[in-house]
Amino acid sequence: QVQLVESGGGLVQPGGSLRLSCDASGLTPDNWAIGWFRQAPGRQRVAVACISGRDGNTYYQDRVKGRFAISRDFARTTVYLQMSNLKAEDSAVYFCAADSPLVRGYYCPVHKNAWGRGTQVTVSS
């Protein structure tokens, strides 16, 4: 059973940076996809960045390209989301989700078999 735990959220000023972590357990080795999703009040939950555990390919939402970077730690099966030049519109609860095994051809989890509980990111002066 896949389990995910997010950490690293908090309050940051506009232009600042944060790094989120998604600690995963129960994944099929080298056969998973993990994505970071965010949900602001009254808005739909959307994917902002994803990574394939098979080949390391990544996906970014257009709004975060050049500001966010997703990466993985092979030793710990942890996926990070480094967020830079944060804006007020980035404020949301950030969740990680996983498919394991992944759906062939997709870098993002499709079935989202597992979710973490989320971590709050607030960008405000």
PDB file of N, CA and C in Angstrom:
ATOM      1  N   GLN A   1       0.847  -1.188   0.000  1.00  0.00           N
ATOM      2  CA  GLN A   1       0.000   0.000   0.000  1.00  0.00           C
ATOM      3  C   GLN A   1       0.882   1.238   0.000  1.00  0.00           C
ATOM      4  N   VAL A   2       0.606   2.133  -0.928  1.00  0.00           N
ATOM      5  CA  VAL A   2       1.398   3.349  -1.040  1.00  0.00           C
ATOM      6  C   VAL A   2       0.934   4.351   0.002  1.00  0.00           C
ATOM      7  N   GLN A   3       1.898   4.955   0.676  1.00  0.00           N
ATOM      8  CA  GLN A   3       1.603   6.012   1.637  1.00  0.00           C
ATOM      9  C   GLN A   3       2.483   7.210   1.319  1.00  0.00           C
ATOM     10  N   LEU A   4       1.895   8.400   1.435  1.00  0.00           N
ATOM     11  CA  LEU A   4       2.590   9.634   1.100  1.00  0.00           C
ATOM     12  C   LEU A   4       2.449  10.620   2.253  1.00  0.00           C
ATOM     13  N   VAL A   5       3.534  11.307   2.577  1.00  0.00           N
ATOM     14  CA  VAL A   5       3.513  12.310   3.630  1.00  0.00           C
ATOM     15  C   VAL A   5       4.217  13.558   3.117  1.00  0.00           C
ATOM     16  N   GLU A   6       3.483  14.678   3.088  1.00  0.00           N
ATOM     17  CA  GLU A   6       4.056  15.941   2.651  1.00  0.00           C
ATOM     18  C   GLU A   6       4.591  16.722   3.835  1.00  0.00           C
ATOM     19  N   SER A   7       5.567  17.564   3.555  1.00  0.00           N
ATOM     20  CA  SER A   7       6.088  18.491   4.561  1.00  0.00           C
ATOM     21  C   SER A   7       6.735  19.669   3.854  1.00  0.00           C
ATOM     22  N   GLY A   8       6.994  20.734   4.624  1.00  0.00           N
ATOM     23  CA  GLY A   8       7.749  21.854   4.086  1.00  0.00           C
ATOM     24  C   GLY A   8       6.948  23.103   3.783  1.00  0.00           C
ATOM     25  N   GLY A   9       5.644  23.050   3.971  1.00  0.00           N
ATOM     26  CA  GLY A   9       4.857  24.239   3.703  1.00  0.00           C
ATOM     27  C   GLY A   9       5.074  25.309   4.758  1.00  0.00           C
ATOM     28  N   GLY A  10       4.463  26.475   4.533  1.00  0.00           N
ATOM     29  CA  GLY A  10       4.593  27.558   5.495  1.00  0.00           C
ATOM     30  C   GLY A  10       4.215  28.887   4.890  1.00  0.00           C
ATOM     31  N   LEU A  11       4.579  29.927   5.623  1.00  0.00           N
ATOM     32  CA  LEU A  11       4.320  31.308   5.198  1.00  0.00           C
ATOM     33  C   LEU A  11       5.604  31.894   4.621  1.00  0.00           C
ATOM     34  N   VAL A  12       5.493  32.486   3.455  1.00  0.00           N
ATOM     35  CA  VAL A  12       6.665  33.074   2.812  1.00  0.00           C
ATOM     36  C   VAL A  12       6.248  34.363   2.131  1.00  0.00           C
ATOM     37  N   GLN A  13       7.179  35.310   2.037  1.00  0.00           N
ATOM     38  CA  GLN A  13       6.884  36.574   1.371  1.00  0.00           C
ATOM     39  C   GLN A  13       6.944  36.411  -0.150  1.00  0.00           C
ATOM     40  N   PRO A  14       6.239  37.263  -0.881  1.00  0.00           N
ATOM     41  CA  PRO A  14       6.348  37.226  -2.344  1.00  0.00           C
ATOM     42  C   PRO A  14       7.803  37.335  -2.784  1.00  0.00           C
ATOM     43  N   GLY A  15       8.157  36.513  -3.754  1.00  0.00           N
ATOM     44  CA  GLY A  15       9.541  36.454  -4.218  1.00  0.00           C
ATOM     45  C   GLY A  15      10.395  35.459  -3.476  1.00  0.00           C
ATOM     46  N   GLY A  16       9.863  34.903  -2.397  1.00  0.00           N
ATOM     47  CA  GLY A  16      10.623  33.953  -1.603  1.00  0.00           C
ATOM     48  C   GLY A  16      10.571  32.545  -2.167  1.00  0.00           C
ATOM     49  N   SER A  17      11.179  31.622  -1.417  1.00  0.00           N
ATOM     50  CA  SER A  17      11.287  30.227  -1.850  1.00  0.00           C
ATOM     51  C   SER A  17      10.864  29.281  -0.734  1.00  0.00           C
ATOM     52  N   LEU A  18      10.410  28.114  -1.147  1.00  0.00           N
ATOM     53  CA  LEU A  18      10.094  27.016  -0.233  1.00  0.00           C
ATOM     54  C   LEU A  18      10.414  25.719  -0.945  1.00  0.00           C
ATOM     55  N   ARG A  19      10.742  24.698  -0.166  1.00  0.00           N
ATOM     56  CA  ARG A  19      10.907  23.359  -0.714  1.00  0.00           C
ATOM     57  C   ARG A  19       9.963  22.420  -0.010  1.00  0.00           C
ATOM     58  N   LEU A  20       9.100  21.786  -0.776  1.00  0.00           N
ATOM     59  CA  LEU A  20       8.186  20.780  -0.255  1.00  0.00           C
ATOM     60  C   LEU A  20       8.782  19.394  -0.463  1.00  0.00           C
ATOM     61  N   SER A  21       8.473  18.508   0.474  1.00  0.00           N
ATOM     62  CA  SER A  21       8.924  17.120   0.377  1.00  0.00           C
ATOM     63  C   SER A  21       7.718  16.193   0.416  1.00  0.00           C
ATOM     64  N   CYS A  22       7.799  15.140  -0.370  1.00  0.00           N
ATOM     65  CA  CYS A  22       6.783  14.084  -0.368  1.00  0.00           C
ATOM     66  C   CYS A  22       7.518  12.773  -0.110  1.00  0.00           C
ATOM     67  N   ASP A  23       7.384  12.269   1.106  1.00  0.00           N
ATOM     68  CA  ASP A  23       8.021  11.005   1.473  1.00  0.00           C
ATOM     69  C   ASP A  23       7.072   9.866   1.138  1.00  0.00           C
ATOM     70  N   ALA A  24       7.530   8.961   0.289  1.00  0.00           N
ATOM     71  CA  ALA A  24       6.684   7.873  -0.207  1.00  0.00           C
ATOM     72  C   ALA A  24       7.167   6.524   0.295  1.00  0.00           C
ATOM     73  N   SER A  25       6.228   5.649   0.576  1.00  0.00           N
ATOM     74  CA  SER A  25       6.547   4.268   0.917  1.00  0.00           C
ATOM     75  C   SER A  25       5.570   3.355   0.186  1.00  0.00           C
ATOM     76  N   GLY A  26       5.999   2.116  -0.031  1.00  0.00           N
ATOM     77  CA  GLY A  26       5.126   1.148  -0.687  1.00  0.00           C
ATOM     78  C   GLY A  26       5.119   1.230  -2.206  1.00  0.00           C
ATOM     79  N   LEU A  27       6.010   2.049  -2.792  1.00  0.00           N
ATOM     80  CA  LEU A  27       6.042   2.163  -4.252  1.00  0.00           C
ATOM     81  C   LEU A  27       6.684   0.935  -4.889  1.00  0.00           C
ATOM     82  N   THR A  28       6.236   0.589  -6.073  1.00  0.00           N
ATOM     83  CA  THR A  28       6.917  -0.427  -6.878  1.00  0.00           C
ATOM     84  C   THR A  28       8.195   0.200  -7.409  1.00  0.00           C
ATOM     85  N   PRO A  29       9.356  -0.392  -7.139  1.00  0.00           N
ATOM     86  CA  PRO A  29      10.616   0.235  -7.535  1.00  0.00           C
ATOM     87  C   PRO A  29      10.652   0.581  -9.011  1.00  0.00           C
ATOM     88  N   ASP A  30      11.035   1.837  -9.312  1.00  0.00           N
ATOM     89  CA  ASP A  30      11.208   2.319 -10.683  1.00  0.00           C
ATOM     90  C   ASP A  30       9.935   2.221 -11.515  1.00  0.00           C
ATOM     91  N   ASN A  31       8.799   2.158 -10.878  1.00  0.00           N
ATOM     92  CA  ASN A  31       7.549   2.030 -11.634  1.00  0.00           C
ATOM     93  C   ASN A  31       6.472   2.823 -10.914  1.00  0.00           C
ATOM     94  N   TRP A  32       6.631   4.133 -10.910  1.00  0.00           N
ATOM     95  CA  TRP A  32       5.686   5.011 -10.238  1.00  0.00           C
ATOM     96  C   TRP A  32       5.710   6.387 -10.887  1.00  0.00           C
ATOM     97  N   ALA A  33       4.666   7.111 -10.643  1.00  0.00           N
ATOM     98  CA  ALA A  33       4.593   8.514 -11.035  1.00  0.00           C
ATOM     99  C   ALA A  33       4.043   9.278  -9.838  1.00  0.00           C
ATOM    100  N   ILE A  34       4.700  10.364  -9.513  1.00  0.00           N
ATOM    101  CA  ILE A  34       4.273  11.208  -8.400  1.00  0.00           C
ATOM    102  C   ILE A  34       4.077  12.617  -8.908  1.00  0.00           C
ATOM    103  N   GLY A  35       2.990  13.208  -8.477  1.00  0.00           N
ATOM    104  CA  GLY A  35       2.708  14.575  -8.864  1.00  0.00           C
ATOM    105  C   GLY A  35       2.402  15.440  -7.663  1.00  0.00           C
ATOM    106  N   TRP A  36       2.734  16.717  -7.807  1.00  0.00           N
ATOM    107  CA  TRP A  36       2.324  17.731  -6.845  1.00  0.00           C
ATOM    108  C   TRP A  36       1.096  18.440  -7.404  1.00  0.00           C
ATOM    109  N   PHE A  37       0.067  18.500  -6.572  1.00  0.00           N
ATOM    110  CA  PHE A  37      -1.178  19.160  -6.931  1.00  0.00           C
ATOM    111  C   PHE A  37      -1.415  20.276  -5.921  1.00  0.00           C
ATOM    112  N   ARG A  38      -2.167  21.274  -6.328  1.00  0.00           N
ATOM    113  CA  ARG A  38      -2.516  22.318  -5.363  1.00  0.00           C
ATOM    114  C   ARG A  38      -3.995  22.679  -5.512  1.00  0.00           C
ATOM    115  N   GLN A  39      -4.522  23.120  -4.394  1.00  0.00           N
ATOM    116  CA  GLN A  39      -5.930  23.510  -4.366  1.00  0.00           C
ATOM    117  C   GLN A  39      -6.086  24.749  -3.504  1.00  0.00           C
ATOM    118  N   ALA A  40      -6.546  25.820  -4.134  1.00  0.00           N
ATOM    119  CA  ALA A  40      -6.847  27.052  -3.424  1.00  0.00           C
ATOM    120  C   ALA A  40      -8.327  27.049  -3.059  1.00  0.00           C
ATOM    121  N   PRO A  41      -8.737  27.825  -2.059  1.00  0.00           N
ATOM    122  CA  PRO A  41     -10.140  27.853  -1.658  1.00  0.00           C
ATOM    123  C   PRO A  41     -11.061  28.164  -2.832  1.00  0.00           C
ATOM    124  N   GLY A  42     -12.078  27.332  -3.013  1.00  0.00           N
ATOM    125  CA  GLY A  42     -13.038  27.547  -4.079  1.00  0.00           C
ATOM    126  C   GLY A  42     -12.568  27.168  -5.468  1.00  0.00           C
ATOM    127  N   ARG A  43     -11.372  26.599  -5.566  1.00  0.00           N
ATOM    128  CA  ARG A  43     -10.811  26.243  -6.867  1.00  0.00           C
ATOM    129  C   ARG A  43     -10.638  24.726  -6.959  1.00  0.00           C
ATOM    130  N   GLN A  44     -10.497  24.256  -8.193  1.00  0.00           N
ATOM    131  CA  GLN A  44     -10.245  22.837  -8.399  1.00  0.00           C
ATOM    132  C   GLN A  44      -8.802  22.486  -8.047  1.00  0.00           C
ATOM    133  N   ARG A  45      -8.607  21.231  -7.706  1.00  0.00           N
ATOM    134  CA  ARG A  45      -7.252  20.739  -7.464  1.00  0.00           C
ATOM    135  C   ARG A  45      -6.594  20.474  -8.828  1.00  0.00           C
ATOM    136  N   VAL A  46      -5.414  21.043  -9.018  1.00  0.00           N
ATOM    137  CA  VAL A  46      -4.742  20.921 -10.307  1.00  0.00           C
ATOM    138  C   VAL A  46      -3.303  20.461 -10.107  1.00  0.00           C
ATOM    139  N   ALA A  47      -2.789  19.783 -11.111  1.00  0.00           N
ATOM    140  CA  ALA A  47      -1.407  19.336 -11.088  1.00  0.00           C
ATOM    141  C   ALA A  47      -0.486  20.499 -11.429  1.00  0.00           C
ATOM    142  N   VAL A  48       0.567  20.670 -10.657  1.00  0.00           N
ATOM    143  CA  VAL A  48       1.539  21.706 -10.975  1.00  0.00           C
ATOM    144  C   VAL A  48       2.872  21.124 -11.453  1.00  0.00           C
ATOM    145  N   ALA A  49       3.225  19.948 -10.995  1.00  0.00           N
ATOM    146  CA  ALA A  49       4.471  19.311 -11.433  1.00  0.00           C
ATOM    147  C   ALA A  49       4.404  17.823 -11.143  1.00  0.00           C
ATOM    148  N   CYS A  50       4.979  17.035 -12.046  1.00  0.00           N
ATOM    149  CA  CYS A  50       4.970  15.580 -11.900  1.00  0.00           C
ATOM    150  C   CYS A  50       6.317  15.016 -12.340  1.00  0.00           C
ATOM    151  N   ILE A  51       6.605  13.814 -11.848  1.00  0.00           N
ATOM    152  CA  ILE A  51       7.849  13.155 -12.246  1.00  0.00           C
ATOM    153  C   ILE A  51       7.610  11.661 -12.345  1.00  0.00           C
ATOM    154  N   SER A  52       8.228  11.069 -13.353  1.00  0.00           N
ATOM    155  CA  SER A  52       8.146   9.629 -13.537  1.00  0.00           C
ATOM    156  C   SER A  52       9.309   8.951 -12.828  1.00  0.00           C
ATOM    157  N   GLY A  53       9.013   7.939 -12.051  1.00  0.00           N
ATOM    158  CA  GLY A  53      10.051   7.167 -11.397  1.00  0.00           C
ATOM    159  C   GLY A  53      10.743   6.214 -12.326  1.00  0.00           C
ATOM    160  N   ARG A  54      10.198   6.027 -13.526  1.00  0.00           N
ATOM    161  CA  ARG A  54      10.782   5.106 -14.501  1.00  0.00           C
ATOM    162  C   ARG A  54      11.939   5.741 -15.237  1.00  0.00           C
ATOM    163  N   ASP A  55      11.735   6.990 -15.698  1.00  0.00           N
ATOM    164  CA  ASP A  55      12.766   7.614 -16.526  1.00  0.00           C
ATOM    165  C   ASP A  55      13.105   9.036 -16.105  1.00  0.00           C
ATOM    166  N   GLY A  56      12.456   9.543 -15.068  1.00  0.00           N
ATOM    167  CA  GLY A  56      12.767  10.883 -14.583  1.00  0.00           C
ATOM    168  C   GLY A  56      12.143  12.001 -15.382  1.00  0.00           C
ATOM    169  N   ASN A  57      11.335  11.673 -16.369  1.00  0.00           N
ATOM    170  CA  ASN A  57      10.677  12.724 -17.143  1.00  0.00           C
ATOM    171  C   ASN A  57       9.734  13.524 -16.258  1.00  0.00           C
ATOM    172  N   THR A  58       9.586  14.787 -16.606  1.00  0.00           N
ATOM    173  CA  THR A  58       8.809  15.698 -15.770  1.00  0.00           C
ATOM    174  C   THR A  58       7.762  16.451 -16.575  1.00  0.00           C
ATOM    175  N   TYR A  59       6.792  16.959 -15.835  1.00  0.00           N
ATOM    176  CA  TYR A  59       5.735  17.801 -16.386  1.00  0.00           C
ATOM    177  C   TYR A  59       5.600  19.016 -15.473  1.00  0.00           C
ATOM    178  N   TYR A  60       5.368  20.184 -16.068  1.00  0.00           N
ATOM    179  CA  TYR A  60       5.082  21.400 -15.296  1.00  0.00           C
ATOM    180  C   TYR A  60       3.879  22.114 -15.884  1.00  0.00           C
ATOM    181  N   GLN A  61       3.051  22.611 -14.989  1.00  0.00           N
ATOM    182  CA  GLN A  61       1.980  23.500 -15.414  1.00  0.00           C
ATOM    183  C   GLN A  61       2.619  24.790 -15.943  1.00  0.00           C
ATOM    184  N   ASP A  62       2.032  25.389 -16.962  1.00  0.00           N
ATOM    185  CA  ASP A  62       2.625  26.584 -17.559  1.00  0.00           C
ATOM    186  C   ASP A  62       2.862  27.688 -16.532  1.00  0.00           C
ATOM    187  N   ARG A  63       1.964  27.817 -15.573  1.00  0.00           N
ATOM    188  CA  ARG A  63       2.062  28.913 -14.607  1.00  0.00           C
ATOM    189  C   ARG A  63       3.286  28.806 -13.705  1.00  0.00           C
ATOM    190  N   VAL A  64       3.864  27.608 -13.601  1.00  0.00           N
ATOM    191  CA  VAL A  64       4.988  27.444 -12.678  1.00  0.00           C
ATOM    192  C   VAL A  64       6.301  27.164 -13.396  1.00  0.00           C
ATOM    193  N   LYS A  65       6.260  27.057 -14.711  1.00  0.00           N
ATOM    194  CA  LYS A  65       7.492  26.766 -15.462  1.00  0.00           C
ATOM    195  C   LYS A  65       8.524  27.856 -15.218  1.00  0.00           C
ATOM    196  N   GLY A  66       9.741  27.433 -14.960  1.00  0.00           N
ATOM    197  CA  GLY A  66      10.822  28.372 -14.694  1.00  0.00           C
ATOM    198  C   GLY A  66      10.911  28.818 -13.244  1.00  0.00           C
ATOM    199  N   ARG A  67       9.890  28.522 -12.451  1.00  0.00           N
ATOM    200  CA  ARG A  67       9.902  28.906 -11.030  1.00  0.00           C
ATOM    201  C   ARG A  67       9.920  27.690 -10.116  1.00  0.00           C
ATOM    202  N   PHE A  68       9.286  26.606 -10.520  1.00  0.00           N
ATOM    203  CA  PHE A  68       9.213  25.384  -9.711  1.00  0.00           C
ATOM    204  C   PHE A  68      10.082  24.307 -10.347  1.00  0.00           C
ATOM    205  N   ALA A  69      10.651  23.471  -9.504  1.00  0.00           N
ATOM    206  CA  ALA A  69      11.450  22.342  -9.992  1.00  0.00           C
ATOM    207  C   ALA A  69      11.124  21.112  -9.171  1.00  0.00           C
ATOM    208  N   ILE A  70      10.794  20.025  -9.851  1.00  0.00           N
ATOM    209  CA  ILE A  70      10.501  18.770  -9.176  1.00  0.00           C
ATOM    210  C   ILE A  70      11.709  17.850  -9.328  1.00  0.00           C
ATOM    211  N   SER A  71      12.023  17.131  -8.276  1.00  0.00           N
ATOM    212  CA  SER A  71      13.164  16.232  -8.307  1.00  0.00           C
ATOM    213  C   SER A  71      12.903  15.056  -7.376  1.00  0.00           C
ATOM    214  N   ARG A  72      13.778  14.053  -7.455  1.00  0.00           N
ATOM    215  CA  ARG A  72      13.595  12.857  -6.631  1.00  0.00           C
ATOM    216  C   ARG A  72      14.909  12.458  -5.975  1.00  0.00           C
ATOM    217  N   ASP A  73      14.765  11.856  -4.816  1.00  0.00           N
ATOM    218  CA  ASP A  73      15.898  11.310  -4.082  1.00  0.00           C
ATOM    219  C   ASP A  73      15.754   9.793  -4.151  1.00  0.00           C
ATOM    220  N   PHE A  74      16.619   9.170  -4.931  1.00  0.00           N
ATOM    221  CA  PHE A  74      16.490   7.730  -5.135  1.00  0.00           C
ATOM    222  C   PHE A  74      16.621   6.960  -3.830  1.00  0.00           C
ATOM    223  N   ALA A  75      17.530   7.402  -2.973  1.00  0.00           N
ATOM    224  CA  ALA A  75      17.821   6.629  -1.767  1.00  0.00           C
ATOM    225  C   ALA A  75      16.623   6.591  -0.824  1.00  0.00           C
ATOM    226  N   ARG A  76      15.861   7.689  -0.782  1.00  0.00           N
ATOM    227  CA  ARG A  76      14.783   7.771   0.195  1.00  0.00           C
ATOM    228  C   ARG A  76      13.406   7.695  -0.435  1.00  0.00           C
ATOM    229  N   THR A  77      13.336   7.603  -1.782  1.00  0.00           N
ATOM    230  CA  THR A  77      12.034   7.681  -2.460  1.00  0.00           C
ATOM    231  C   THR A  77      11.262   8.903  -1.963  1.00  0.00           C
ATOM    232  N   THR A  78      11.917  10.011  -2.017  1.00  0.00           N
ATOM    233  CA  THR A  78      11.316  11.290  -1.685  1.00  0.00           C
ATOM    234  C   THR A  78      11.290  12.142  -2.943  1.00  0.00           C
ATOM    235  N   VAL A  79      10.177  12.806  -3.144  1.00  0.00           N
ATOM    236  CA  VAL A  79      10.048  13.734  -4.272  1.00  0.00           C
ATOM    237  C   VAL A  79       9.941  15.136  -3.701  1.00  0.00           C
ATOM    238  N   TYR A  80      10.741  16.035  -4.267  1.00  0.00           N
ATOM    239  CA  TYR A  80      10.787  17.409  -3.795  1.00  0.00           C
ATOM    240  C   TYR A  80      10.145  18.341  -4.807  1.00  0.00           C
ATOM    241  N   LEU A  81       9.609  19.432  -4.287  1.00  0.00           N
ATOM    242  CA  LEU A  81       9.155  20.516  -5.140  1.00  0.00           C
ATOM    243  C   LEU A  81       9.821  21.785  -4.642  1.00  0.00           C
ATOM    244  N   GLN A  82      10.808  22.245  -5.381  1.00  0.00           N
ATOM    245  CA  GLN A  82      11.476  23.505  -5.056  1.00  0.00           C
ATOM    246  C   GLN A  82      10.714  24.629  -5.728  1.00  0.00           C
ATOM    247  N   MET A  83      10.226  25.555  -4.916  1.00  0.00           N
ATOM    248  CA  MET A  83       9.416  26.657  -5.422  1.00  0.00           C
ATOM    249  C   MET A  83      10.164  27.957  -5.194  1.00  0.00           C
ATOM    250  N   SER A  84      10.351  28.707  -6.256  1.00  0.00           N
ATOM    251  CA  SER A  84      11.075  29.970  -6.180  1.00  0.00           C
ATOM    252  C   SER A  84      10.224  31.086  -6.763  1.00  0.00           C
ATOM    253  N   ASN A  85      10.629  32.327  -6.435  1.00  0.00           N
ATOM    254  CA  ASN A  85       9.900  33.506  -6.934  1.00  0.00           C
ATOM    255  C   ASN A  85       8.393  33.333  -6.720  1.00  0.00           C
ATOM    256  N   LEU A  86       8.040  32.981  -5.497  1.00  0.00           N
ATOM    257  CA  LEU A  86       6.643  32.688  -5.195  1.00  0.00           C
ATOM    258  C   LEU A  86       5.783  33.930  -5.291  1.00  0.00           C
ATOM    259  N   LYS A  87       4.556  33.699  -5.712  1.00  0.00           N
ATOM    260  CA  LYS A  87       3.580  34.776  -5.886  1.00  0.00           C
ATOM    261  C   LYS A  87       2.363  34.484  -5.009  1.00  0.00           C
ATOM    262  N   ALA A  88       1.581  35.512  -4.752  1.00  0.00           N
ATOM    263  CA  ALA A  88       0.381  35.318  -3.940  1.00  0.00           C
ATOM    264  C   ALA A  88      -0.529  34.249  -4.542  1.00  0.00           C
ATOM    265  N   GLU A  89      -0.576  34.170  -5.862  1.00  0.00           N
ATOM    266  CA  GLU A  89      -1.447  33.202  -6.532  1.00  0.00           C
ATOM    267  C   GLU A  89      -0.979  31.763  -6.329  1.00  0.00           C
ATOM    268  N   ASP A  90       0.222  31.573  -5.795  1.00  0.00           N
ATOM    269  CA  ASP A  90       0.698  30.222  -5.496  1.00  0.00           C
ATOM    270  C   ASP A  90       0.171  29.714  -4.154  1.00  0.00           C
ATOM    271  N   SER A  91      -0.470  30.567  -3.401  1.00  0.00           N
ATOM    272  CA  SER A  91      -1.014  30.160  -2.105  1.00  0.00           C
ATOM    273  C   SER A  91      -2.075  29.089  -2.310  1.00  0.00           C
ATOM    274  N   ALA A  92      -1.931  27.990  -1.597  1.00  0.00           N
ATOM    275  CA  ALA A  92      -2.849  26.858  -1.735  1.00  0.00           C
ATOM    276  C   ALA A  92      -2.415  25.767  -0.778  1.00  0.00           C
ATOM    277  N   VAL A  93      -3.244  24.745  -0.669  1.00  0.00           N
ATOM    278  CA  VAL A  93      -2.810  23.507  -0.031  1.00  0.00           C
ATOM    279  C   VAL A  93      -2.187  22.644  -1.122  1.00  0.00           C
ATOM    280  N   TYR A  94      -0.989  22.178  -0.856  1.00  0.00           N
ATOM    281  CA  TYR A  94      -0.258  21.364  -1.813  1.00  0.00           C
ATOM    282  C   TYR A  94      -0.306  19.903  -1.372  1.00  0.00           C
ATOM    283  N   PHE A  95      -0.675  19.058  -2.314  1.00  0.00           N
ATOM    284  CA  PHE A  95      -0.788  17.622  -2.074  1.00  0.00           C
ATOM    285  C   PHE A  95       0.153  16.882  -3.026  1.00  0.00           C
ATOM    286  N   CYS A  96       0.649  15.747  -2.589  1.00  0.00           N
ATOM    287  CA  CYS A  96       1.275  14.852  -3.554  1.00  0.00           C
ATOM    288  C   CYS A  96       0.386  13.620  -3.720  1.00  0.00           C
ATOM    289  N   ALA A  97       0.440  13.085  -4.927  1.00  0.00           N
ATOM    290  CA  ALA A  97      -0.349  11.906  -5.278  1.00  0.00           C
ATOM    291  C   ALA A  97       0.521  10.974  -6.106  1.00  0.00           C
ATOM    292  N   ALA A  98       0.175   9.696  -6.098  1.00  0.00           N
ATOM    293  CA  ALA A  98       1.015   8.706  -6.779  1.00  0.00           C
ATOM    294  C   ALA A  98       0.188   7.644  -7.464  1.00  0.00           C
ATOM    295  N   ASP A  99       0.738   7.154  -8.555  1.00  0.00           N
ATOM    296  CA  ASP A  99       0.327   5.903  -9.168  1.00  0.00           C
ATOM    297  C   ASP A  99       1.519   4.955  -9.096  1.00  0.00           C
ATOM    298  N   SER A 100       1.279   3.754  -8.667  1.00  0.00           N
ATOM    299  CA  SER A 100       2.327   2.740  -8.687  1.00  0.00           C
ATOM    300  C   SER A 100       1.688   1.380  -8.831  1.00  0.00           C
ATOM    301  N   PRO A 101       1.802   0.734 -10.002  1.00  0.00           N
ATOM    302  CA  PRO A 101       2.615   1.161 -11.133  1.00  0.00           C
ATOM    303  C   PRO A 101       2.030   2.365 -11.862  1.00  0.00           C
ATOM    304  N   LEU A 102       2.908   3.033 -12.610  1.00  0.00           N
ATOM    305  CA  LEU A 102       2.436   4.176 -13.357  1.00  0.00           C
ATOM    306  C   LEU A 102       1.683   3.725 -14.607  1.00  0.00           C
ATOM    307  N   VAL A 103       0.949   4.673 -15.217  1.00  0.00           N
ATOM    308  CA  VAL A 103       0.266   4.415 -16.471  1.00  0.00           C
ATOM    309  C   VAL A 103       1.263   4.742 -17.589  1.00  0.00           C
ATOM    310  N   ARG A 104       1.533   3.793 -18.428  1.00  0.00           N
ATOM    311  CA  ARG A 104       2.548   3.956 -19.478  1.00  0.00           C
ATOM    312  C   ARG A 104       2.242   5.176 -20.334  1.00  0.00           C
ATOM    313  N   GLY A 105       3.258   5.984 -20.536  1.00  0.00           N
ATOM    314  CA  GLY A 105       3.102   7.164 -21.378  1.00  0.00           C
ATOM    315  C   GLY A 105       2.742   8.428 -20.623  1.00  0.00           C
ATOM    316  N   TYR A 106       2.528   8.333 -19.326  1.00  0.00           N
ATOM    317  CA  TYR A 106       2.148   9.493 -18.534  1.00  0.00           C
ATOM    318  C   TYR A 106       3.193   9.761 -17.460  1.00  0.00           C
ATOM    319  N   TYR A 107       3.554  11.031 -17.291  1.00  0.00           N
ATOM    320  CA  TYR A 107       4.481  11.403 -16.236  1.00  0.00           C
ATOM    321  C   TYR A 107       3.750  11.717 -14.945  1.00  0.00           C
ATOM    322  N   CYS A 108       2.485  12.065 -15.058  1.00  0.00           N
ATOM    323  CA  CYS A 108       1.673  12.386 -13.896  1.00  0.00           C
ATOM    324  C   CYS A 108       0.827  11.178 -13.500  1.00  0.00           C
ATOM    325  N   PRO A 109       0.503  11.062 -12.228  1.00  0.00           N
ATOM    326  CA  PRO A 109      -0.405   9.981 -11.833  1.00  0.00           C
ATOM    327  C   PRO A 109      -1.774  10.188 -12.471  1.00  0.00           C
ATOM    328  N   VAL A 110      -2.313   9.114 -13.050  1.00  0.00           N
ATOM    329  CA  VAL A 110      -3.612   9.164 -13.714  1.00  0.00           C
ATOM    330  C   VAL A 110      -4.706   8.695 -12.762  1.00  0.00           C
ATOM    331  N   HIS A 111      -4.497   7.592 -12.137  1.00  0.00           N
ATOM    332  CA  HIS A 111      -5.492   7.030 -11.220  1.00  0.00           C
ATOM    333  C   HIS A 111      -5.392   7.658  -9.840  1.00  0.00           C
ATOM    334  N   LYS A 112      -4.256   8.200  -9.507  1.00  0.00           N
ATOM    335  CA  LYS A 112      -4.023   8.831  -8.197  1.00  0.00           C
ATOM    336  C   LYS A 112      -4.452   7.887  -7.081  1.00  0.00           C
ATOM    337  N   ASN A 113      -3.832   6.746  -7.057  1.00  0.00           N
ATOM    338  CA  ASN A 113      -4.204   5.711  -6.103  1.00  0.00           C
ATOM    339  C   ASN A 113      -3.934   6.104  -4.665  1.00  0.00           C
ATOM    340  N   ALA A 114      -3.011   7.022  -4.462  1.00  0.00           N
ATOM    341  CA  ALA A 114      -2.676   7.430  -3.103  1.00  0.00           C
ATOM    342  C   ALA A 114      -2.512   8.940  -3.062  1.00  0.00           C
ATOM    343  N   TRP A 115      -2.928   9.530  -1.953  1.00  0.00           N
ATOM    344  CA  TRP A 115      -2.796  10.964  -1.706  1.00  0.00           C
ATOM    345  C   TRP A 115      -2.189  11.183  -0.338  1.00  0.00           C
ATOM    346  N   GLY A 116      -1.431  12.257  -0.235  1.00  0.00           N
ATOM    347  CA  GLY A 116      -1.024  12.720   1.080  1.00  0.00           C
ATOM    348  C   GLY A 116      -2.093  13.620   1.662  1.00  0.00           C
ATOM    349  N   ARG A 117      -1.850  14.092   2.886  1.00  0.00           N
ATOM    350  CA  ARG A 117      -2.848  14.932   3.560  1.00  0.00           C
ATOM    351  C   ARG A 117      -2.733  16.397   3.173  1.00  0.00           C
ATOM    352  N   GLY A 118      -1.627  16.771   2.596  1.00  0.00           N
ATOM    353  CA  GLY A 118      -1.469  18.142   2.150  1.00  0.00           C
ATOM    354  C   GLY A 118      -0.658  18.992   3.105  1.00  0.00           C
ATOM    355  N   THR A 119      -0.088  20.059   2.552  1.00  0.00           N
ATOM    356  CA  THR A 119       0.655  21.035   3.349  1.00  0.00           C
ATOM    357  C   THR A 119       0.316  22.425   2.825  1.00  0.00           C
ATOM    358  N   GLN A 120       0.067  23.339   3.735  1.00  0.00           N
ATOM    359  CA  GLN A 120      -0.376  24.691   3.368  1.00  0.00           C
ATOM    360  C   GLN A 120       0.821  25.555   2.968  1.00  0.00           C
ATOM    361  N   VAL A 121       0.669  26.233   1.843  1.00  0.00           N
ATOM    362  CA  VAL A 121       1.637  27.243   1.413  1.00  0.00           C
ATOM    363  C   VAL A 121       0.898  28.575   1.318  1.00  0.00           C
ATOM    364  N   THR A 122       1.404  29.559   2.029  1.00  0.00           N
ATOM    365  CA  THR A 122       0.808  30.895   2.008  1.00  0.00           C
ATOM    366  C   THR A 122       1.882  31.897   1.612  1.00  0.00           C
ATOM    367  N   VAL A 123       1.597  32.631   0.548  1.00  0.00           N
ATOM    368  CA  VAL A 123       2.531  33.651   0.067  1.00  0.00           C
ATOM    369  C   VAL A 123       1.896  35.008   0.339  1.00  0.00           C
ATOM    370  N   SER A 124       2.488  35.735   1.266  1.00  0.00           N
ATOM    371  CA  SER A 124       1.892  36.999   1.681  1.00  0.00           C
ATOM    372  C   SER A 124       2.950  37.867   2.337  1.00  0.00           C
ATOM    373  N   SER A 125       2.783  39.176   2.163  1.00  0.00           N
ATOM    374  CA  SER A 125       3.685  40.102   2.835  1.00  0.00           C
ATOM    375  C   SER A 125       3.097  40.549   4.166  1.00  0.00           C
TER     376      SER A 125
END
